[in-house]
C-alpha atoms as a PDB file:
ATOM      1  CA  MET A   1     -63.493 110.068  14.614  1.00  0.00           C
ATOM      2  CA  ARG A   2     -65.726 108.590  11.792  1.00  0.00           C
ATOM      3  CA  THR A   3     -64.038 107.392   8.623  1.00  0.00           C
ATOM      4  CA  PRO A   4     -65.064 108.832   5.221  1.00  0.00           C
ATOM      5  CA  LEU A   5     -66.811 105.632   4.451  1.00  0.00           C
ATOM      6  CA  ALA A   6     -68.778 106.012   7.715  1.00  0.00           C
ATOM      7  CA  PHE A   7     -69.609 109.543   6.810  1.00  0.00           C
ATOM      8  CA  ILE A   8     -70.940 108.645   3.461  1.00  0.00           C
ATOM      9  CA  ALA A   9     -72.949 105.647   4.880  1.00  0.00           C
ATOM     10  CA  GLN A  10     -74.655 107.869   7.347  1.00  0.00           C
ATOM     11  CA  ARG A  11     -76.036 110.076   4.579  1.00  0.00           C
ATOM     12  CA  TRP A  12     -76.601 107.711   1.770  1.00  0.00           C
ATOM     13  CA  THR A  13     -78.601 104.423   1.466  1.00  0.00           C
ATOM     14  CA  PRO A  14     -78.143 102.777  -1.929  1.00  0.00           C
ATOM     15  CA  SER A  15     -80.861 100.507  -3.208  1.00  0.00           C
ATOM     16  CA  PRO A  16     -80.157  96.781  -3.495  1.00  0.00           C
ATOM     17  CA  GLY A  17     -79.923  97.348  -7.273  1.00  0.00           C
ATOM     18  CA  ILE A  18     -77.277  99.960  -7.058  1.00  0.00           C
ATOM     19  CA  VAL A  19     -75.192  97.765  -4.773  1.00  0.00           C
ATOM     20  CA  ARG A  20     -75.444  94.966  -7.310  1.00  0.00           C
ATOM     21  CA  ARG A  21     -74.527  97.286 -10.187  1.00  0.00           C
ATOM     22  CA  ALA A  22     -71.543  98.620  -8.373  1.00  0.00           C
ATOM     23  CA  ALA A  23     -70.374  95.058  -7.765  1.00  0.00           C
ATOM     24  CA  LEU A  24     -70.983  94.283 -11.451  1.00  0.00           C
ATOM     25  CA  SER A  25     -68.794  97.214 -12.548  1.00  0.00           C
ATOM     26  CA  ALA A  26     -65.978  95.645 -10.695  1.00  0.00           C
ATOM     27  CA  VAL A  27     -66.536  92.466 -12.506  1.00  0.00           C
ATOM     28  CA  ALA A  28     -66.661  94.178 -15.851  1.00  0.00           C
ATOM     29  CA  MET A  29     -63.527  96.120 -15.204  1.00  0.00           C
ATOM     30  CA  SER A  30     -61.606  92.951 -13.984  1.00  0.00           C
ATOM     31  CA  VAL A  31     -62.457  91.392 -17.382  1.00  0.00           C
ATOM     32  CA  ILE A  32     -61.366  94.430 -19.315  1.00  0.00           C
ATOM     33  CA  ILE A  33     -58.069  94.712 -17.450  1.00  0.00           C
ATOM     34  CA  ILE A  34     -57.317  91.019 -18.317  1.00  0.00           C
ATOM     35  CA  ILE A  35     -58.139  91.659 -21.977  1.00  0.00           C
ATOM     36  CA  THR A  36     -56.111  94.887 -22.194  1.00  0.00           C
ATOM     37  CA  GLY A  37     -53.269  93.246 -20.378  1.00  0.00           C
ATOM     38  CA  GLY A  38     -53.348  90.578 -23.070  1.00  0.00           C
ATOM     39  CA  ALA A  39     -53.321  93.424 -25.706  1.00  0.00           C
ATOM     40  CA  VAL A  40     -50.215  94.768 -24.283  1.00  0.00           C
ATOM     41  CA  ARG A  41     -48.486  91.351 -24.741  1.00  0.00           C
ATOM     42  CA  LEU A  42     -50.046  90.667 -28.111  1.00  0.00           C
ATOM     43  CA  THR A  43     -48.957  94.027 -29.570  1.00  0.00           C
ATOM     44  CA  GLY A  44     -45.405  93.495 -28.301  1.00  0.00           C
ATOM     45  CA  SER A  45     -45.761  96.505 -25.901  1.00  0.00           C
ATOM     46  CA  GLY A  46     -44.919  94.797 -22.624  1.00  0.00           C
ATOM     47  CA  LEU A  47     -41.716  96.871 -22.443  1.00  0.00           C
ATOM     48  CA  GLY A  48     -43.302 100.009 -23.891  1.00  0.00           C
ATOM     49  CA  CYS A  49     -42.723 101.627 -20.449  1.00  0.00           C
ATOM     50  CA  ASP A  50     -39.377 100.161 -19.529  1.00  0.00           C
ATOM     51  CA  THR A  51     -39.547 100.742 -15.881  1.00  0.00           C
ATOM     52  CA  TRP A  52     -42.086 100.970 -12.981  1.00  0.00           C
ATOM     53  CA  PRO A  53     -43.723 102.925 -11.411  1.00  0.00           C
ATOM     54  CA  LYS A  54     -42.474 105.484 -13.838  1.00  0.00           C
ATOM     55  CA  CYS A  55     -42.774 104.877 -17.618  1.00  0.00           C
ATOM     56  CA  THR A  56     -39.146 105.754 -18.151  1.00  0.00           C
ATOM     57  CA  ASP A  57     -36.282 106.776 -15.768  1.00  0.00           C
ATOM     58  CA  ASP A  58     -37.009 110.367 -16.614  1.00  0.00           C
ATOM     59  CA  SER A  59     -40.669 110.457 -17.282  1.00  0.00           C
ATOM     60  CA  LEU A  60     -43.883 109.370 -15.407  1.00  0.00           C
ATOM     61  CA  ILE A  61     -45.854 109.097 -18.599  1.00  0.00           C
ATOM     62  CA  ALA A  62     -45.125 107.723 -21.995  1.00  0.00           C
ATOM     63  CA  THR A  63     -43.043 109.863 -24.349  1.00  0.00           C
ATOM     64  CA  ALA A  64     -43.073 110.429 -28.069  1.00  0.00           C
ATOM     65  CA  GLU A  65     -39.842 108.427 -28.405  1.00  0.00           C
ATOM     66  CA  GLN A  66     -41.576 105.300 -27.155  1.00  0.00           C
ATOM     67  CA  GLY A  67     -44.090 105.293 -30.024  1.00  0.00           C
ATOM     68  CA  TYR A  68     -47.342 103.398 -29.879  1.00  0.00           C
ATOM     69  CA  HIS A  69     -45.854 100.629 -27.731  1.00  0.00           C
ATOM     70  CA  GLY A  70     -45.403 103.091 -24.941  1.00  0.00           C
ATOM     71  CA  ALA A  71     -48.938 104.549 -25.421  1.00  0.00           C
ATOM     72  CA  ILE A  72     -50.463 101.105 -25.232  1.00  0.00           C
ATOM     73  CA  GLU A  73     -48.482  99.982 -22.042  1.00  0.00           C
ATOM     74  CA  PHE A  74     -49.054 103.306 -20.291  1.00  0.00           C
ATOM     75  CA  GLY A  75     -52.760 103.205 -21.200  1.00  0.00           C
ATOM     76  CA  ASN A  76     -53.097  99.870 -19.658  1.00  0.00           C
ATOM     77  CA  ARG A  77     -51.521 101.236 -16.552  1.00  0.00           C
ATOM     78  CA  MET A  78     -54.056 104.079 -16.404  1.00  0.00           C
ATOM     79  CA  LEU A  79     -56.868 101.596 -16.697  1.00  0.00           C
ATOM     80  CA  THR A  80     -55.791 100.368 -13.335  1.00  0.00           C
ATOM     81  CA  TYR A  81     -57.145 103.590 -11.908  1.00  0.00           C
ATOM     82  CA  VAL A  82     -60.485 102.955 -13.639  1.00  0.00           C
ATOM     83  CA  LEU A  83     -60.486  99.513 -12.152  1.00  0.00           C
ATOM     84  CA  SER A  84     -59.701 100.998  -8.703  1.00  0.00           C
ATOM     85  CA  ALA A  85     -62.586 103.425  -9.039  1.00  0.00           C
ATOM     86  CA  ALA A  86     -64.962 100.625  -9.843  1.00  0.00           C
ATOM     87  CA  VAL A  87     -63.766  98.575  -6.855  1.00  0.00           C
ATOM     88  CA  GLY A  88     -63.985 101.771  -4.729  1.00  0.00           C
ATOM     89  CA  TRP A  89     -67.557 102.314  -5.798  1.00  0.00           C
ATOM     90  CA  ALA A  90     -68.378  98.668  -4.918  1.00  0.00           C
ATOM     91  CA  ILE A  91     -66.863  99.210  -1.503  1.00  0.00           C
ATOM     92  CA  ILE A  92     -68.772 102.503  -0.792  1.00  0.00           C
ATOM     93  CA  ALA A  93     -72.118 100.917  -1.958  1.00  0.00           C
ATOM     94  CA  ALA A  94     -71.547  97.869   0.187  1.00  0.00           C
ATOM     95  CA  ARG A  95     -70.569  99.829   3.247  1.00  0.00           C
ATOM     96  CA  SER A  96     -73.512 102.239   2.772  1.00  0.00           C
ATOM     97  CA  ALA A  97     -76.121  99.450   2.405  1.00  0.00           C
ATOM     98  CA  LYS A  98     -78.813  99.150   5.170  1.00  0.00           C
ATOM     99  CA  PRO A  99     -78.688  97.040   7.093  1.00  0.00           C
ATOM    100  CA  ARG A 100     -74.952  97.034   7.195  1.00  0.00           C
ATOM    101  CA  ARG A 101     -73.398  94.044   5.315  1.00  0.00           C
ATOM    102  CA  ARG A 102     -69.899  93.467   6.654  1.00  0.00           C
ATOM    103  CA  SER A 103     -69.219  90.401   4.690  1.00  0.00           C
ATOM    104  CA  LEU A 104     -70.004  92.312   1.447  1.00  0.00           C
ATOM    105  CA  THR A 105     -67.681  95.247   2.604  1.00  0.00           C
ATOM    106  CA  ARG A 106     -64.873  92.704   3.309  1.00  0.00           C
ATOM    107  CA  LEU A 107     -65.124  91.292  -0.150  1.00  0.00           C
ATOM    108  CA  GLY A 108     -64.861  94.700  -1.582  1.00  0.00           C
ATOM    109  CA  TRP A 109     -61.707  95.463   0.398  1.00  0.00           C
ATOM    110  CA  ALA A 110     -60.211  92.078  -0.649  1.00  0.00           C
ATOM    111  CA  GLN A 111     -60.641  93.271  -4.289  1.00  0.00           C
ATOM    112  CA  PHE A 112     -58.850  96.480  -3.451  1.00  0.00           C
ATOM    113  CA  TRP A 113     -55.883  94.664  -1.907  1.00  0.00           C
ATOM    114  CA  LEU A 114     -55.727  92.353  -4.980  1.00  0.00           C
ATOM    115  CA  VAL A 115     -55.666  95.290  -7.265  1.00  0.00           C
ATOM    116  CA  MET A 116     -52.836  96.821  -5.367  1.00  0.00           C
ATOM    117  CA  SER A 117     -50.914  93.495  -5.151  1.00  0.00           C
ATOM    118  CA  ASN A 118     -51.264  92.891  -8.868  1.00  0.00           C
ATOM    119  CA  ALA A 119     -50.095  96.334  -9.743  1.00  0.00           C
ATOM    120  CA  VAL A 120     -46.871  95.575  -7.799  1.00  0.00           C
ATOM    121  CA  ILE A 121     -46.681  92.121  -9.633  1.00  0.00           C
ATOM    122  CA  GLY A 122     -46.970  94.018 -12.938  1.00  0.00           C
ATOM    123  CA  GLY A 123     -44.175  96.353 -11.876  1.00  0.00           C
ATOM    124  CA  ILE A 124     -41.891  93.333 -11.010  1.00  0.00           C
ATOM    125  CA  THR A 125     -42.776  91.823 -14.459  1.00  0.00           C
ATOM    126  CA  VAL A 126     -41.465  94.882 -16.131  1.00  0.00           C
ATOM    127  CA  TRP A 127     -38.341  94.938 -13.970  1.00  0.00           C
ATOM    128  CA  MET A 128     -37.677  91.320 -14.794  1.00  0.00           C
ATOM    129  CA  GLY A 129     -37.880  91.883 -18.585  1.00  0.00           C
ATOM    130  CA  LEU A 130     -41.211  90.099 -19.009  1.00  0.00           C
ATOM    131  CA  ASN A 131     -39.984  86.802 -17.431  1.00  0.00           C
ATOM    132  CA  PRO A 132     -42.658  84.314 -18.478  1.00  0.00           C
ATOM    133  CA  TRP A 133     -43.268  83.108 -14.943  1.00  0.00           C
ATOM    134  CA  THR A 134     -43.937  86.567 -13.584  1.00  0.00           C
ATOM    135  CA  VAL A 135     -46.280  87.168 -16.524  1.00  0.00           C
ATOM    136  CA  ALA A 136     -48.160  84.021 -15.610  1.00  0.00           C
ATOM    137  CA  GLY A 137     -48.326  85.116 -11.989  1.00  0.00           C
ATOM    138  CA  HIS A 138     -49.571  88.457 -13.176  1.00  0.00           C
ATOM    139  CA  PHE A 139     -52.447  86.884 -15.086  1.00  0.00           C
ATOM    140  CA  ILE A 140     -53.231  84.434 -12.335  1.00  0.00           C
ATOM    141  CA  ALA A 141     -53.407  87.243  -9.849  1.00  0.00           C
ATOM    142  CA  ALA A 142     -55.855  89.078 -12.316  1.00  0.00           C
ATOM    143  CA  ASN A 143     -58.135  86.022 -12.282  1.00  0.00           C
ATOM    144  CA  ALA A 144     -57.977  85.932  -8.549  1.00  0.00           C
ATOM    145  CA  LEU A 145     -59.413  89.490  -8.571  1.00  0.00           C
ATOM    146  CA  LEU A 146     -62.123  88.252 -11.099  1.00  0.00           C
ATOM    147  CA  THR A 147     -62.954  85.496  -8.683  1.00  0.00           C
ATOM    148  CA  VAL A 148     -63.573  87.813  -5.733  1.00  0.00           C
ATOM    149  CA  ALA A 149     -65.304  90.373  -7.733  1.00  0.00           C
ATOM    150  CA  THR A 150     -67.732  87.692  -9.142  1.00  0.00           C
ATOM    151  CA  ILE A 151     -68.385  86.358  -5.668  1.00  0.00           C
ATOM    152  CA  THR A 152     -69.145  90.025  -4.474  1.00  0.00           C
ATOM    153  CA  TRP A 153     -71.506  90.449  -7.340  1.00  0.00           C
ATOM    154  CA  VAL A 154     -73.478  87.248  -6.588  1.00  0.00           C
ATOM    155  CA  ARG A 155     -73.487  87.999  -2.853  1.00  0.00           C
ATOM    156  CA  ALA A 156     -74.801  91.457  -3.505  1.00  0.00           C
ATOM    157  CA  GLY A 157     -77.926  89.805  -4.861  1.00  0.00           C
ATOM    158  CA  GLU A 158     -78.360  87.618  -1.754  1.00  0.00           C
ATOM    159  CA  GLY A 159     -79.136  87.914   1.873  1.00  0.00           C
ATOM    160  CA  ASP A 160     -76.860  87.286   4.784  1.00  0.00           C
ATOM    161  CA  ALA A 161     -78.556  84.321   6.334  1.00  0.00           C
ATOM    162  CA  ALA A 162     -76.628  81.076   6.656  1.00  0.00           C
ATOM    163  CA  PRO A 163     -76.348  79.304   3.183  1.00  0.00           C
ATOM    164  CA  LYS A 164     -78.823  76.489   2.460  1.00  0.00           C
ATOM    165  CA  PRO A 165     -78.033  73.746  -0.188  1.00  0.00           C
ATOM    166  CA  ARG A 166     -80.306  73.523  -3.186  1.00  0.00           C
ATOM    167  CA  VAL A 167     -78.907  70.187  -4.381  1.00  0.00           C
ATOM    168  CA  PRO A 168     -77.633  67.043  -2.827  1.00  0.00           C
ATOM    169  CA  ALA A 169     -74.077  66.787  -1.481  1.00  0.00           C
ATOM    170  CA  PRO A 170     -72.615  64.713  -4.435  1.00  0.00           C
ATOM    171  CA  VAL A 171     -73.770  67.337  -6.973  1.00  0.00           C
ATOM    172  CA  ARG A 172     -72.079  70.080  -4.894  1.00  0.00           C
ATOM    173  CA  LYS A 173     -68.796  67.985  -4.866  1.00  0.00           C
ATOM    174  CA  LEU A 174     -69.026  67.652  -8.688  1.00  0.00           C
ATOM    175  CA  ALA A 175     -69.328  71.475  -8.872  1.00  0.00           C
ATOM    176  CA  TRP A 176     -66.215  71.843  -6.877  1.00  0.00           C
ATOM    177  CA  GLY A 177     -64.478  69.383  -9.183  1.00  0.00           C
ATOM    178  CA  ILE A 178     -65.526  71.615 -12.111  1.00  0.00           C
ATOM    179  CA  VAL A 179     -64.006  74.653 -10.239  1.00  0.00           C
ATOM    180  CA  GLY A 180     -60.695  72.830  -9.651  1.00  0.00           C
ATOM    181  CA  VAL A 181     -60.409  71.631 -13.278  1.00  0.00           C
ATOM    182  CA  SER A 182     -61.250  75.084 -14.524  1.00  0.00           C
ATOM    183  CA  ALA A 183     -58.589  76.606 -12.371  1.00  0.00           C
ATOM    184  CA  VAL A 184     -56.011  73.997 -13.523  1.00  0.00           C
ATOM    185  CA  LEU A 185     -57.136  74.789 -17.209  1.00  0.00           C
ATOM    186  CA  ILE A 186     -56.386  78.476 -16.692  1.00  0.00           C
ATOM    187  CA  VAL A 187     -53.011  77.765 -15.149  1.00  0.00           C
ATOM    188  CA  LEU A 188     -52.199  75.450 -18.120  1.00  0.00           C
ATOM    189  CA  GLY A 189     -53.116  78.237 -20.502  1.00  0.00           C
ATOM    190  CA  THR A 190     -50.241  80.262 -18.965  1.00  0.00           C
ATOM    191  CA  THR A 191     -47.909  77.430 -19.771  1.00  0.00           C
ATOM    192  CA  VAL A 192     -48.966  77.673 -23.464  1.00  0.00           C
ATOM    193  CA  THR A 193     -48.570  81.418 -23.678  1.00  0.00           C
ATOM    194  CA  GLY A 194     -45.323  81.305 -21.634  1.00  0.00           C
ATOM    195  CA  ALA A 195     -43.656  79.161 -24.065  1.00  0.00           C
ATOM    196  CA  GLY A 196     -45.519  80.532 -27.213  1.00  0.00           C
ATOM    197  CA  LYS A 197     -44.945  83.082 -29.935  1.00  0.00           C
ATOM    198  CA  HIS A 198     -46.335  86.107 -28.128  1.00  0.00           C
ATOM    199  CA  ALA A 199     -43.609  86.953 -25.776  1.00  0.00           C
ATOM    200  CA  GLY A 200     -44.787  90.553 -25.207  1.00  0.00           C
ATOM    201  CA  ASP A 201     -41.841  92.525 -26.667  1.00  0.00           C
ATOM    202  CA  SER A 202     -39.769  92.395 -29.858  1.00  0.00           C
ATOM    203  CA  SER A 203     -36.650  92.044 -27.932  1.00  0.00           C
ATOM    204  CA  ASP A 204     -35.066  88.699 -26.672  1.00  0.00           C
ATOM    205  CA  VAL A 205     -37.558  87.788 -24.088  1.00  0.00           C
ATOM    206  CA  PRO A 206     -37.046  84.346 -22.348  1.00  0.00           C
ATOM    207  CA  ARG A 207     -39.639  81.687 -22.711  1.00  0.00           C
ATOM    208  CA  MET A 208     -40.764  78.776 -20.603  1.00  0.00           C
ATOM    209  CA  PRO A 209     -38.538  75.637 -21.267  1.00  0.00           C
ATOM    210  CA  TRP A 210     -40.851  73.477 -23.300  1.00  0.00           C
ATOM    211  CA  ASP A 211     -42.544  73.255 -26.639  1.00  0.00           C
ATOM    212  CA  TRP A 212     -45.649  75.395 -26.687  1.00  0.00           C
ATOM    213  CA  THR A 213     -47.444  72.894 -28.950  1.00  0.00           C
ATOM    214  CA  ASN A 214     -47.049  70.090 -26.334  1.00  0.00           C
ATOM    215  CA  ALA A 215     -48.352  72.428 -23.663  1.00  0.00           C
ATOM    216  CA  ALA A 216     -51.395  73.258 -25.989  1.00  0.00           C
ATOM    217  CA  HIS A 217     -52.083  69.531 -26.183  1.00  0.00           C
ATOM    218  CA  VAL A 218     -52.124  69.102 -22.345  1.00  0.00           C
ATOM    219  CA  HIS A 219     -54.274  72.259 -22.064  1.00  0.00           C
ATOM    220  CA  ALA A 220     -56.772  70.797 -24.637  1.00  0.00           C
ATOM    221  CA  ALA A 221     -56.907  67.550 -22.658  1.00  0.00           C
ATOM    222  CA  ALA A 222     -57.948  69.490 -19.462  1.00  0.00           C
ATOM    223  CA  ALA A 223     -60.454  71.314 -21.481  1.00  0.00           C
ATOM    224  CA  TRP A 224     -62.083  68.034 -22.796  1.00  0.00           C
ATOM    225  CA  LEU A 225     -62.172  66.817 -19.182  1.00  0.00           C
ATOM    226  CA  LEU A 226     -63.878  70.084 -18.163  1.00  0.00           C
ATOM    227  CA  CYS A 227     -66.429  69.758 -21.030  1.00  0.00           C
ATOM    228  CA  GLY A 228     -67.324  66.231 -19.866  1.00  0.00           C
ATOM    229  CA  LEU A 229     -67.732  67.364 -16.259  1.00  0.00           C
ATOM    230  CA  ALA A 230     -69.876  70.249 -17.256  1.00  0.00           C
ATOM    231  CA  LEU A 231     -72.131  67.937 -19.394  1.00  0.00           C
ATOM    232  CA  ALA A 232     -72.445  65.484 -16.547  1.00  0.00           C
ATOM    233  CA  MET A 233     -73.516  68.330 -14.330  1.00  0.00           C
ATOM    234  CA  TRP A 234     -76.116  69.444 -16.699  1.00  0.00           C
ATOM    235  CA  LEU A 235     -77.582  65.889 -16.988  1.00  0.00           C
ATOM    236  CA  ILE A 236     -77.392  65.341 -13.177  1.00  0.00           C
ATOM    237  CA  LEU A 237     -79.266  68.612 -12.355  1.00  0.00           C
ATOM    238  CA  ARG A 238     -82.028  67.505 -14.540  1.00  0.00           C
ATOM    239  CA  VAL A 239     -82.190  64.076 -12.794  1.00  0.00           C
ATOM    240  CA  VAL A 240     -82.321  65.717  -9.290  1.00  0.00           C
ATOM    241  CA  ASP A 241     -84.759  68.377 -10.446  1.00  0.00           C
ATOM    242  CA  ALA A 242     -82.515  71.307  -9.605  1.00  0.00           C
ATOM    243  CA  PRO A 243     -84.026  74.842  -9.749  1.00  0.00           C
ATOM    244  CA  ASP A 244     -84.338  76.326 -13.140  1.00  0.00           C
ATOM    245  CA  ASP A 245     -81.778  79.001 -12.659  1.00  0.00           C
ATOM    246  CA  THR A 246     -79.157  76.365 -11.585  1.00  0.00           C
ATOM    247  CA  ARG A 247     -79.824  74.352 -14.712  1.00  0.00           C
ATOM    248  CA  ALA A 248     -79.483  77.534 -16.766  1.00  0.00           C
ATOM    249  CA  ARG A 249     -76.061  78.182 -15.220  1.00  0.00           C
ATOM    250  CA  ALA A 250     -74.907  74.711 -16.277  1.00  0.00           C
ATOM    251  CA  ARG A 251     -76.361  75.298 -19.792  1.00  0.00           C
ATOM    252  CA  ASP A 252     -74.533  78.603 -20.034  1.00  0.00           C
ATOM    253  CA  LEU A 253     -71.256  77.006 -19.040  1.00  0.00           C
ATOM    254  CA  ILE A 254     -71.603  74.332 -21.761  1.00  0.00           C
ATOM    255  CA  VAL A 255     -72.271  76.976 -24.474  1.00  0.00           C
ATOM    256  CA  LEU A 256     -69.225  78.992 -23.402  1.00  0.00           C
ATOM    257  CA  LEU A 257     -67.004  75.903 -23.267  1.00  0.00           C
ATOM    258  CA  VAL A 258     -67.985  74.802 -26.752  1.00  0.00           C
ATOM    259  CA  ALA A 259     -67.375  78.370 -28.028  1.00  0.00           C
ATOM    260  CA  GLN A 260     -64.073  78.580 -26.177  1.00  0.00           C
ATOM    261  CA  GLY A 261     -63.037  75.125 -27.571  1.00  0.00           C
ATOM    262  CA  VAL A 262     -63.838  76.188 -31.119  1.00  0.00           C
ATOM    263  CA  ILE A 263     -61.830  79.344 -30.829  1.00  0.00           C
ATOM    264  CA  GLY A 264     -58.916  77.531 -29.241  1.00  0.00           C
ATOM    265  CA  TYR A 265     -58.679  74.955 -32.117  1.00  0.00           C
ATOM    266  CA  VAL A 266     -58.988  77.598 -34.773  1.00  0.00           C
ATOM    267  CA  GLN A 267     -56.311  79.705 -33.202  1.00  0.00           C
ATOM    268  CA  PHE A 268     -53.966  76.735 -32.871  1.00  0.00           C
ATOM    269  CA  PHE A 269     -54.250  75.595 -36.510  1.00  0.00           C
ATOM    270  CA  ALA A 270     -54.217  79.220 -37.706  1.00  0.00           C
ATOM    271  CA  GLY A 271     -50.946  79.841 -36.052  1.00  0.00           C
ATOM    272  CA  VAL A 272     -52.223  81.731 -32.995  1.00  0.00           C
ATOM    273  CA  PRO A 273     -53.117  85.076 -34.588  1.00  0.00           C
ATOM    274  CA  GLU A 274     -53.205  87.945 -32.092  1.00  0.00           C
ATOM    275  CA  LEU A 275     -56.916  88.686 -32.534  1.00  0.00           C
ATOM    276  CA  LEU A 276     -58.007  85.093 -31.838  1.00  0.00           C
ATOM    277  CA  VAL A 277     -55.812  84.961 -28.851  1.00  0.00           C
ATOM    278  CA  ALA A 278     -57.478  88.102 -27.468  1.00  0.00           C
ATOM    279  CA  VAL A 279     -60.903  86.594 -27.973  1.00  0.00           C
ATOM    280  CA  HIS A 280     -59.667  83.282 -26.444  1.00  0.00           C
ATOM    281  CA  MET A 281     -58.699  85.295 -23.317  1.00  0.00           C
ATOM    282  CA  LEU A 282     -62.071  87.069 -23.166  1.00  0.00           C
ATOM    283  CA  PHE A 283     -63.879  83.710 -23.296  1.00  0.00           C
ATOM    284  CA  SER A 284     -61.538  82.380 -20.608  1.00  0.00           C
ATOM    285  CA  SER A 285     -62.778  85.062 -18.259  1.00  0.00           C
ATOM    286  CA  LEU A 286     -66.357  84.496 -19.129  1.00  0.00           C
ATOM    287  CA  MET A 287     -65.921  80.747 -18.639  1.00  0.00           C
ATOM    288  CA  TRP A 288     -64.483  81.402 -15.197  1.00  0.00           C
ATOM    289  CA  ILE A 289     -67.483  83.690 -14.269  1.00  0.00           C
ATOM    290  CA  ALA A 290     -69.851  81.024 -15.346  1.00  0.00           C
ATOM    291  CA  VAL A 291     -68.187  78.352 -13.378  1.00  0.00           C
ATOM    292  CA  LEU A 292     -68.362  80.380 -10.259  1.00  0.00           C
ATOM    293  CA  ARG A 293     -71.893  81.435 -10.884  1.00  0.00           C
ATOM    294  CA  LEU A 294     -72.757  77.594 -11.247  1.00  0.00           C
ATOM    295  CA  LEU A 295     -71.062  76.844  -7.980  1.00  0.00           C
ATOM    296  CA  LEU A 296     -72.859  79.581  -6.031  1.00  0.00           C
ATOM    297  CA  SER A 297     -76.140  78.793  -7.552  1.00  0.00           C
ATOM    298  CA  LEU A 298     -76.111  75.375  -5.675  1.00  0.00           C
ATOM    299  CA  ARG A 299     -76.919  77.161  -2.496  1.00  0.00           C
ATOM    300  CA  GLU A 300     -79.005  80.071  -1.451  1.00  0.00           C
ATOM    301  CA  ARG A 301     -78.709  82.711   1.216  1.00  0.00           C
ATOM    302  CA  PRO A 302     -82.032  84.277   2.004  1.00  0.00           C
ATOM    303  CA  SER A 303     -82.414  87.559   3.791  1.00  0.00           C
ATOM    304  CA  ALA A 304     -82.725  87.095   7.495  1.00  0.00           C
ATOM    305  CA  SER A 305     -86.286  87.413   8.443  1.00  0.00           C
ATOM    306  CA  PRO A 306     -86.946  89.906  11.239  1.00  0.00           C
ATOM    307  CA  GLU A 307     -88.524  88.341  14.393  1.00  0.00           C
ATOM    308  CA  ILE A 308     -92.288  88.792  14.545  1.00  0.00           C
ATOM    309  CA  PRO A 309     -93.275  89.873  17.970  1.00  0.00           C
ATOM    310  CA  SER A 310     -95.811  87.716  19.728  1.00  0.00           C
ATOM    311  CA  GLN A 311     -99.333  89.076  19.797  1.00  0.00           C
ATOM    312  CA  THR A 312    -100.595  90.931  22.967  1.00  0.00           C
ATOM    313  CA  PRO A 313    -104.236  90.438  24.141  1.00  0.00           C
ATOM    314  CA  GLU A 314    -105.101  93.787  22.638  1.00  0.00           C
ATOM    315  CA  MET A 315    -103.735  92.778  19.133  1.00  0.00           C
ATOM    316  CA  ALA A 316    -105.488  89.417  19.321  1.00  0.00           C
ATOM    317  CA  ALA A 317    -108.816  91.074  20.051  1.00  0.00           C
ATOM    318  CA  LEU A 318    -108.555  93.201  16.801  1.00  0.00           C
END
């Protein structure tokens, strides 16, 4: 018996542009769900729905008694369905592509399972009264989804041949170093928010056991290290005469890091106002996308060329 995906794939062949746009929609929704999740915390609506999977013990949806906090939290839960639809579209488009691209389909399914697992982590976070460690795990899992979605988007614009390096091996190692420091930077950001002012609810929510300003200084030190590595990458790519698109990726990363740094320092000295924190989260997602695109631009995966049949004597005579 054929699966519904196989049935659709037999009757529909999306263009490469449609496949790429479907993958991009999953990237966009991954960023949106990170930002709206932050909005839930910044508005003190983390327990607007005080249980999971229902909103209250007696209601599946938010009630009037819960006020706008319940509406915000429930609205963010509903966006998970929009995210799931975007991931589903990416899976269907990848499965229907001709020739069939199994690696792209597997990446789509990886996104699906990350969405499901993060929904469970979100529910556990509510059950635990917004414990900062589970909140941090929820955010990191959302970034894991963004990682796979970004890789899927890039891969949708490539072929399926074996990857070929475009720069020397030391440059690729530097790129992996940038990825590692960026990941550490994102994790350190959760230690700032986990100990900081925006606990996610007006009630007595526990915080991580350290001063948030000290955590912010460590976070800033990692950001300065990342800026130095990104600048070194940009200079080295010019020295090794890397392709123009790769150098553009390095330039974009530097621009985003400078903007993110300015926002970070302004929000710190302004007392971490909610709006700036939300903008900082947005630029964190954009920075992570830029880091991944830079890494992936250091190799290419051309489409596998079909074999050209040898000429017959009749063809040679033409």
